[in-house]
């Protein structure tokens, strides 16, 4: 079968699927830095996935992506979603536009992988999950870190009793200030540290402490002129009484770690959220009279996520597993809403990182989390935001 014929063929299901390789045909909606640097290069080298087409804010951006990734370029979202040779859509527009384009894709009958978070609040997440369930479609957020095996290792230590009875959890995900015109400083497009960074430690707390977390307190440092949150701290309480202290923000030296502390030992994951594929994780286990430094195998958490997404697309969007994933996404945004409702807001001076613009997509090798944190303007045309601006965080993205 030629590539063109394969693209036009329907996604194979049923018994025939067991006798032939099935390729999930993916389209990219959004020409973002994360798509250019991290996600789409991984898509094209992941077995069982094929990038079919891309659409962005401008035709020139779409053509640039199409040339690099050997796929078609479409003029806009409507044309992209109308293509019959697409099974699923990867959406990497600005956060404030996730709900709009995810809804369009679901209504077009496409499965969706959307950058996190899928909406700006729980109401948007709830509506999208209901729409996906109604259509029997897969809806996943591109939250990569839970797919890294280092977290399963930590859960194994907890479940084996090695830590004793957990009493506290601490997590932080922080980066230095961003360039002045970075899209994450635009409140109208879903900017702010809580949605961009805070969702990671919130998700980590849920992953390791279980459901039912409650917000006991929160503080947000905000920009005086518009209230945009620049950093924050959150105190959670689990149903079993474990206290979780979370920190996040655009105002710190880089940190991406968490610690679970029990009455026998504590364990720390040193690069919790954005380890690069070749990074060999270090997990530190501290007991009263000894310290054990565990070097775990490297893993590509993004490729693992993409493989899981493609497999679920082959199975369809129904079933308990998909319902559980949707429930987790909604619960995460309910915690975000609770943080907003609870937080004391402290106005502080805003000191963005002042650096010269870089050519599009040109991120120096020493540039930190450009894989995930540099997200230029996307479809449709929002205020201009030059992509590829240097960031000052360690380059180890993304989740």
Protein backbone atom coordinates (compact mmCIF):
# COMPACT_ATOMS: atom_id res chain seq x y z
CA UNK A 1 0.00 0.00 0.00
CA UNK A 2 1.37 3.41 -0.95
CA UNK A 3 1.67 6.15 1.63
CA UNK A 4 -1.13 8.10 -0.08
CA UNK A 5 -3.43 5.08 -0.10
CA UNK A 6 -2.66 4.33 3.53
CA UNK A 7 -3.50 7.91 4.48
CA UNK A 8 -6.92 7.64 2.86
CA UNK A 9 -7.72 4.25 4.37
CA UNK A 10 -9.93 4.17 7.48
CA UNK A 11 -8.40 3.27 10.83
CA UNK A 12 -8.50 -0.52 11.02
CA UNK A 13 -10.59 -2.03 13.80
CA UNK A 14 -11.82 -5.46 14.86
CA UNK A 15 -10.20 -8.78 14.05
CA UNK A 16 -8.37 -7.39 11.00
CA UNK A 17 -6.45 -5.10 13.32
CA UNK A 18 -4.66 -8.10 14.79
CA UNK A 19 -3.17 -9.06 11.45
CA UNK A 20 -1.88 -5.73 10.19
CA UNK A 21 -0.02 -2.76 11.63
CA UNK A 22 -2.35 0.14 12.26
CA UNK A 23 -1.03 3.66 11.95
CA UNK A 24 -2.74 6.48 13.81
CA UNK A 25 -2.77 9.47 11.50
CA UNK A 26 -2.12 12.59 13.54
CA UNK A 27 -2.51 16.26 12.62
CA UNK A 28 -0.90 19.16 14.47
CA UNK A 29 -2.98 22.23 15.21
CA UNK A 30 -0.61 24.93 16.40
CA UNK A 31 2.92 25.88 15.38
CA UNK A 32 4.41 26.28 18.84
CA UNK A 33 7.94 25.92 20.14
CA UNK A 34 7.05 22.78 22.09
CA UNK A 35 5.65 21.25 18.90
CA UNK A 36 8.72 22.19 16.87
CA UNK A 37 11.40 21.21 19.35
CA UNK A 38 9.98 18.30 21.27
CA UNK A 39 6.61 16.82 20.38
CA UNK A 40 6.59 16.53 16.60
CA UNK A 41 10.18 15.23 16.34
CA UNK A 42 9.10 12.50 18.77
CA UNK A 43 5.89 11.84 16.85
CA UNK A 44 7.73 11.18 13.59
CA UNK A 45 10.03 8.62 15.21
CA UNK A 46 7.30 6.83 17.18
CA UNK A 47 6.09 3.56 15.60
CA UNK A 48 2.35 3.49 14.97
CA UNK A 49 2.03 7.26 14.53
CA UNK A 50 2.17 9.31 11.33
CA UNK A 51 2.08 13.08 11.11
CA UNK A 52 -0.31 13.86 8.28
CA UNK A 53 -0.84 17.63 8.28
CA UNK A 54 -0.27 20.82 10.24
CA UNK A 55 -2.03 24.18 10.54
CA UNK A 56 -0.80 27.27 12.35
CA UNK A 57 -1.38 30.95 12.86
CA UNK A 58 -0.01 31.76 9.40
CA UNK A 59 0.47 29.84 6.18
CA UNK A 60 4.23 30.46 6.31
CA UNK A 61 4.54 28.81 9.73
CA UNK A 62 2.50 25.83 8.61
CA UNK A 63 4.68 25.47 5.50
CA UNK A 64 7.83 25.64 7.61
CA UNK A 65 6.56 22.82 9.82
CA UNK A 66 5.32 20.80 6.84
CA UNK A 67 8.69 20.99 5.12
CA UNK A 68 10.59 19.85 8.20
CA UNK A 69 8.23 17.04 9.17
CA UNK A 70 7.26 15.85 5.68
CA UNK A 71 3.53 16.42 5.94
CA UNK A 72 0.84 18.60 4.38
CA UNK A 73 0.19 22.23 5.37
CA UNK A 74 -3.34 23.57 5.78
CA UNK A 75 -4.50 27.17 5.82
CA UNK A 76 -6.49 27.03 9.05
CA UNK A 77 -8.08 24.83 11.69
CA UNK A 78 -11.26 24.28 9.71
CA UNK A 79 -9.39 22.94 6.70
CA UNK A 80 -7.25 20.72 8.90
CA UNK A 81 -10.20 19.20 10.74
CA UNK A 82 -12.08 18.58 7.51
CA UNK A 83 -9.38 16.25 6.18
CA UNK A 84 -10.61 12.63 5.94
CA UNK A 85 -7.11 11.22 6.47
CA UNK A 86 -6.82 12.29 10.12
CA UNK A 87 -7.69 10.15 13.13
CA UNK A 88 -6.41 12.42 15.88
CA UNK A 89 -5.24 15.98 16.48
CA UNK A 90 -2.40 17.29 18.62
CA UNK A 91 -3.24 20.83 19.84
CA UNK A 92 -0.52 23.22 21.00
CA UNK A 93 -2.20 26.61 20.82
CA UNK A 94 -1.91 29.07 23.73
CA UNK A 95 -3.60 27.79 26.90
CA UNK A 96 -6.50 30.19 26.65
CA UNK A 97 -7.41 28.69 23.27
CA UNK A 98 -7.20 25.01 24.25
CA UNK A 99 -10.91 24.70 25.00
CA UNK A 100 -11.97 26.35 21.74
CA UNK A 101 -9.88 24.18 19.43
CA UNK A 102 -10.29 20.98 21.41
CA UNK A 103 -14.05 21.39 21.18
CA UNK A 104 -13.81 21.96 17.42
CA UNK A 105 -11.68 18.84 16.98
CA UNK A 106 -14.00 16.67 19.07
CA UNK A 107 -17.05 17.91 17.19
CA UNK A 108 -15.24 17.00 13.96
CA UNK A 109 -14.97 13.44 15.26
CA UNK A 110 -11.23 13.52 15.97
CA UNK A 111 -9.43 12.12 18.99
CA UNK A 112 -7.41 14.81 20.77
CA UNK A 113 -4.07 15.15 22.52
CA UNK A 114 -3.95 18.71 23.88
CA UNK A 115 -1.18 20.53 25.68
CA UNK A 116 -1.82 20.89 29.39
CA UNK A 117 -4.07 22.09 30.81
CA UNK A 118 -7.01 21.34 28.52
CA UNK A 119 -8.87 24.41 29.80
CA UNK A 120 -8.40 27.39 32.07
CA UNK A 121 -10.74 26.04 34.74
CA UNK A 122 -12.67 22.95 35.78
CA UNK A 123 -15.81 24.02 33.91
CA UNK A 124 -13.93 23.97 30.59
CA UNK A 125 -12.29 20.64 31.39
CA UNK A 126 -15.60 19.12 32.46
CA UNK A 127 -17.35 20.25 29.27
CA UNK A 128 -14.63 18.85 27.02
CA UNK A 129 -14.54 15.52 28.84
CA UNK A 130 -18.32 15.21 28.55
CA UNK A 131 -18.12 15.96 24.83
CA UNK A 132 -15.39 13.34 24.33
CA UNK A 133 -17.40 10.74 26.27
CA UNK A 134 -20.51 11.51 24.24
CA UNK A 135 -18.63 10.95 20.99
CA UNK A 136 -16.66 7.92 22.17
CA UNK A 137 -13.42 9.83 21.54
CA UNK A 138 -10.05 9.79 23.27
CA UNK A 139 -9.13 13.04 25.01
CA UNK A 140 -5.73 13.28 26.68
CA UNK A 141 -3.59 16.10 28.02
CA UNK A 142 0.08 16.18 27.13
CA UNK A 143 1.16 15.79 30.76
CA UNK A 144 4.27 13.70 30.29
CA UNK A 145 5.86 13.21 33.68
CA UNK A 146 3.43 10.56 35.07
CA UNK A 147 4.59 8.31 32.22
CA UNK A 148 8.18 8.22 33.47
CA UNK A 149 8.98 5.00 35.37
CA UNK A 150 10.83 6.84 38.16
CA UNK A 151 7.47 7.71 39.73
CA UNK A 152 6.35 4.08 39.70
CA UNK A 153 9.59 3.30 41.52
CA UNK A 154 8.72 5.86 44.21
CA UNK A 155 5.21 4.42 44.54
CA UNK A 156 6.77 1.00 44.95
CA UNK A 157 8.91 2.28 47.84
CA UNK A 158 5.82 3.76 49.47
CA UNK A 159 3.69 0.66 49.02
CA UNK A 160 6.44 -1.64 50.32
CA UNK A 161 6.60 0.31 53.58
CA UNK A 162 10.19 1.43 53.03
CA UNK A 163 9.28 5.01 53.95
CA UNK A 164 7.02 4.01 56.82
CA UNK A 165 3.89 6.10 57.25
CA UNK A 166 4.02 9.18 54.98
CA UNK A 167 3.51 12.46 56.81
CA UNK A 168 4.52 15.10 54.30
CA UNK A 169 5.08 15.73 50.62
CA UNK A 170 6.96 18.62 49.10
CA UNK A 171 7.25 19.55 45.44
CA UNK A 172 8.54 22.50 43.46
CA UNK A 173 8.59 23.45 39.81
CA UNK A 174 10.11 26.88 39.28
CA UNK A 175 11.98 28.74 36.54
CA UNK A 176 13.64 32.18 36.31
CA UNK A 177 11.76 35.19 34.87
CA UNK A 178 10.77 35.00 31.22
CA UNK A 179 11.28 37.51 28.39
CA UNK A 180 8.93 40.48 28.64
CA UNK A 181 6.77 39.44 25.68
CA UNK A 182 6.54 35.73 26.58
CA UNK A 183 3.02 34.44 26.05
CA UNK A 184 2.83 33.22 29.64
CA UNK A 185 2.66 36.83 30.76
CA UNK A 186 -0.55 37.32 28.73
CA UNK A 187 -3.54 36.78 31.01
CA UNK A 188 -5.99 36.89 28.08
CA UNK A 189 -4.31 33.82 26.55
CA UNK A 190 -4.28 31.74 29.72
CA UNK A 191 -0.97 32.97 31.10
CA UNK A 192 0.26 32.78 34.67
CA UNK A 193 2.45 30.47 36.72
CA UNK A 194 -0.40 28.44 38.19
CA UNK A 195 -1.61 27.10 34.82
CA UNK A 196 1.85 26.76 33.31
CA UNK A 197 3.83 25.35 36.24
CA UNK A 198 1.59 24.88 39.26
CA UNK A 199 -0.35 22.07 37.63
CA UNK A 200 2.74 19.86 37.81
CA UNK A 201 3.21 19.70 41.59
CA UNK A 202 -0.58 19.51 41.96
CA UNK A 203 -0.61 16.47 39.66
CA UNK A 204 2.38 14.96 41.45
CA UNK A 205 0.58 15.23 44.79
CA UNK A 206 -2.45 13.46 43.33
CA UNK A 207 -0.26 10.80 41.71
CA UNK A 208 1.50 9.87 44.95
CA UNK A 209 -1.06 10.74 47.65
CA UNK A 210 -4.21 9.69 45.82
CA UNK A 211 -7.53 11.44 45.18
CA UNK A 212 -9.48 13.62 47.55
CA UNK A 213 -6.85 16.30 48.16
CA UNK A 214 -8.11 19.54 49.69
CA UNK A 215 -6.56 23.00 49.54
CA UNK A 216 -5.80 24.15 53.08
CA UNK A 217 -4.12 27.40 52.06
CA UNK A 218 -2.47 29.19 49.17
CA UNK A 219 -0.54 32.35 48.36
CA UNK A 220 0.05 33.89 44.95
CA UNK A 221 2.54 36.61 44.09
CA UNK A 222 0.78 38.68 41.43
CA UNK A 223 1.58 41.45 38.99
CA UNK A 224 0.00 44.63 40.38
CA UNK A 225 -1.36 45.99 37.11
CA UNK A 226 -3.51 42.99 36.18
CA UNK A 227 -3.24 40.34 38.90
CA UNK A 228 -1.39 37.80 36.75
CA UNK A 229 0.13 35.18 39.06
CA UNK A 230 3.94 35.07 38.86
CA UNK A 231 4.54 32.43 41.53
CA UNK A 232 2.79 30.73 44.40
CA UNK A 233 2.70 28.23 47.22
CA UNK A 234 -0.06 25.79 48.09
CA UNK A 235 -0.77 23.65 51.15
CA UNK A 236 -2.82 20.51 50.54
CA UNK A 237 -4.18 17.87 52.92
CA UNK A 238 -4.81 14.29 51.82
CA UNK A 239 -7.69 12.17 53.21
CA UNK A 240 -5.12 10.26 55.31
CA UNK A 241 -3.69 13.46 56.78
CA UNK A 242 -0.53 13.84 54.70
CA UNK A 243 0.42 17.51 54.31
CA UNK A 244 1.64 18.61 50.87
CA UNK A 245 3.58 21.83 50.38
CA UNK A 246 3.91 22.94 46.75
CA UNK A 247 5.89 25.79 45.17
CA UNK A 248 5.86 27.05 41.58
CA UNK A 249 6.68 30.20 39.67
CA UNK A 250 8.49 32.34 37.13
CA UNK A 251 10.66 34.04 39.79
CA UNK A 252 13.17 31.44 40.97
CA UNK A 253 16.32 29.61 40.11
CA UNK A 254 15.33 26.41 38.36
CA UNK A 255 13.88 23.59 40.47
CA UNK A 256 11.99 20.45 39.45
CA UNK A 257 11.81 17.99 42.34
CA UNK A 258 9.66 16.39 45.00
CA UNK A 259 10.14 14.59 48.33
CA UNK A 260 7.91 12.09 50.11
CA UNK A 261 8.74 11.96 53.84
CA UNK A 262 7.66 9.14 56.11
CA UNK A 263 8.49 8.11 59.67
CA UNK A 264 11.17 5.65 58.51
CA UNK A 265 12.73 7.38 55.51
CA UNK A 266 12.24 9.98 52.87
CA UNK A 267 12.73 9.77 49.11
CA UNK A 268 13.55 12.62 46.72
CA UNK A 269 13.22 12.69 42.94
CA UNK A 270 15.75 15.23 41.72
CA UNK A 271 14.43 15.95 38.22
CA UNK A 272 10.82 15.11 38.63
CA UNK A 273 8.90 16.79 35.83
CA UNK A 274 11.07 17.37 32.78
CA UNK A 275 13.92 14.86 32.51
CA UNK A 276 15.31 14.71 28.95
CA UNK A 277 15.10 11.32 27.25
CA UNK A 278 18.77 10.48 27.82
CA UNK A 279 18.81 11.56 31.47
CA UNK A 280 19.44 8.79 34.00
CA UNK A 281 17.18 9.69 36.94
CA UNK A 282 18.62 10.00 40.42
CA UNK A 283 16.32 9.00 43.28
CA UNK A 284 17.74 9.67 46.76
CA UNK A 285 16.52 7.51 49.65
CA UNK A 286 17.48 8.85 53.10
CA UNK A 287 17.14 6.76 56.23
CA UNK A 288 18.35 7.57 59.73
CA UNK A 289 21.85 6.15 59.35
CA UNK A 290 22.31 5.81 55.62
CA UNK A 291 21.68 7.39 52.25
CA UNK A 292 21.04 5.38 49.09
CA UNK A 293 21.41 7.03 45.69
CA UNK A 294 19.46 5.07 43.11
CA UNK A 295 20.33 5.64 39.43
CA UNK A 296 17.40 4.47 37.33
CA UNK A 297 17.35 3.77 33.58
CA UNK A 298 16.76 6.67 31.21
CA UNK A 299 13.31 6.87 29.64
CA UNK A 300 11.52 9.04 27.10
CA UNK A 301 8.34 10.01 28.92
CA UNK A 302 6.94 11.81 25.88
CA UNK A 303 7.31 8.82 23.59
CA UNK A 304 5.70 6.61 26.23
CA UNK A 305 2.78 9.02 26.42
CA UNK A 306 2.43 9.13 22.64
CA UNK A 307 2.44 5.35 22.40
CA UNK A 308 -0.23 5.11 25.10
CA UNK A 309 -2.34 7.73 23.31
CA UNK A 310 -2.05 5.95 19.96
CA UNK A 311 -2.97 2.61 21.51
CA UNK A 312 -6.03 4.14 23.16
CA UNK A 313 -7.07 5.68 19.85
CA UNK A 314 -6.92 2.20 18.31
CA UNK A 315 -9.15 0.87 21.09
CA UNK A 316 -11.53 3.84 21.01
CA UNK A 317 -12.63 6.37 23.58
CA UNK A 318 -14.93 4.20 25.67
CA UNK A 319 -14.20 2.10 28.72
CA UNK A 320 -13.19 2.55 32.35
CA UNK A 321 -9.59 3.54 31.58
CA UNK A 322 -10.66 6.49 29.48
CA UNK A 323 -13.27 7.51 32.05
CA UNK A 324 -10.56 7.49 34.74
CA UNK A 325 -8.27 9.68 32.65
CA UNK A 326 -11.06 12.21 32.13
CA UNK A 327 -11.87 12.21 35.83
CA UNK A 328 -8.22 12.90 36.68
CA UNK A 329 -8.11 15.84 34.28
CA UNK A 330 -11.22 17.38 35.81
CA UNK A 331 -10.00 16.77 39.37
CA UNK A 332 -6.71 18.52 38.55
CA UNK A 333 -8.54 21.61 37.36
CA UNK A 334 -10.83 21.53 40.39
CA UNK A 335 -7.69 21.83 42.51
CA UNK A 336 -6.57 24.78 40.36
CA UNK A 337 -9.94 26.45 40.94
CA UNK A 338 -9.66 25.81 44.67
CA UNK A 339 -6.19 27.38 44.74
CA UNK A 340 -7.54 30.48 43.00
CA UNK A 341 -10.47 30.70 45.39
CA UNK A 342 -8.33 30.22 48.49
CA UNK A 343 -5.19 32.16 47.65
CA UNK A 344 -4.08 35.34 49.34
CA UNK A 345 -2.70 37.57 46.58
CA UNK A 346 0.44 39.59 47.22
CA UNK A 347 1.27 42.32 44.66
CA UNK A 348 4.97 42.32 43.79
CA UNK A 349 7.21 44.11 41.25
CA UNK A 350 7.51 42.29 37.96
CA UNK A 351 11.08 41.77 36.68
CA UNK A 352 11.02 39.85 33.39
CA UNK A 353 14.14 38.45 31.81
CA UNK A 354 15.61 40.97 29.37
CA UNK A 355 17.25 39.24 26.43
CA UNK A 356 17.53 39.85 22.68
CA UNK A 357 15.15 38.03 20.39
CA UNK A 358 16.33 34.87 18.63
CA UNK A 359 15.38 33.61 15.16
CA UNK A 360 12.30 31.43 15.10
CA UNK A 361 12.86 27.96 16.60
CA UNK A 362 16.54 28.72 17.24
CA UNK A 363 17.04 27.67 20.85
CA UNK A 364 20.66 27.39 21.92
CA UNK A 365 21.65 24.00 23.29
CA UNK A 366 22.25 25.66 26.64
CA UNK A 367 18.80 27.20 26.66
CA UNK A 368 16.77 25.64 29.44
CA UNK A 369 13.29 24.49 29.20
CA UNK A 370 12.70 25.83 25.75
CA UNK A 371 11.10 22.50 24.86
CA UNK A 372 8.13 23.19 26.99
CA UNK A 373 8.19 26.70 28.24
CA UNK A 374 8.68 28.72 25.09
CA UNK A 375 5.27 28.74 23.47
CA UNK A 376 4.93 31.42 20.81
CA UNK A 377 1.63 32.79 19.56
CA UNK A 378 -0.43 30.37 17.62
CA UNK A 379 -3.77 29.91 15.93
CA UNK A 380 -5.62 32.16 15.64
CA UNK A 381 -3.51 35.30 15.47
CA UNK A 382 -3.07 36.61 19.01
CA UNK A 383 -0.65 39.44 19.87
CA UNK A 384 2.78 38.87 18.35
CA UNK A 385 5.20 36.81 20.41
CA UNK A 386 8.55 35.92 18.84
CA UNK A 387 9.24 32.25 19.45
CA UNK A 388 12.56 30.75 20.23
CA UNK A 389 13.45 33.37 22.85
CA UNK A 390 16.07 32.06 25.24
CA UNK A 391 14.89 30.82 28.57
CA UNK A 392 17.10 30.55 31.58
CA UNK A 393 16.04 27.20 32.96
CA UNK A 394 17.98 23.97 32.56
CA UNK A 395 17.21 22.38 29.21
CA UNK A 396 15.39 19.20 30.19
CA UNK A 397 11.95 19.39 28.83
CA UNK A 398 9.23 18.53 28.57
CA UNK A 399 6.10 17.25 30.32
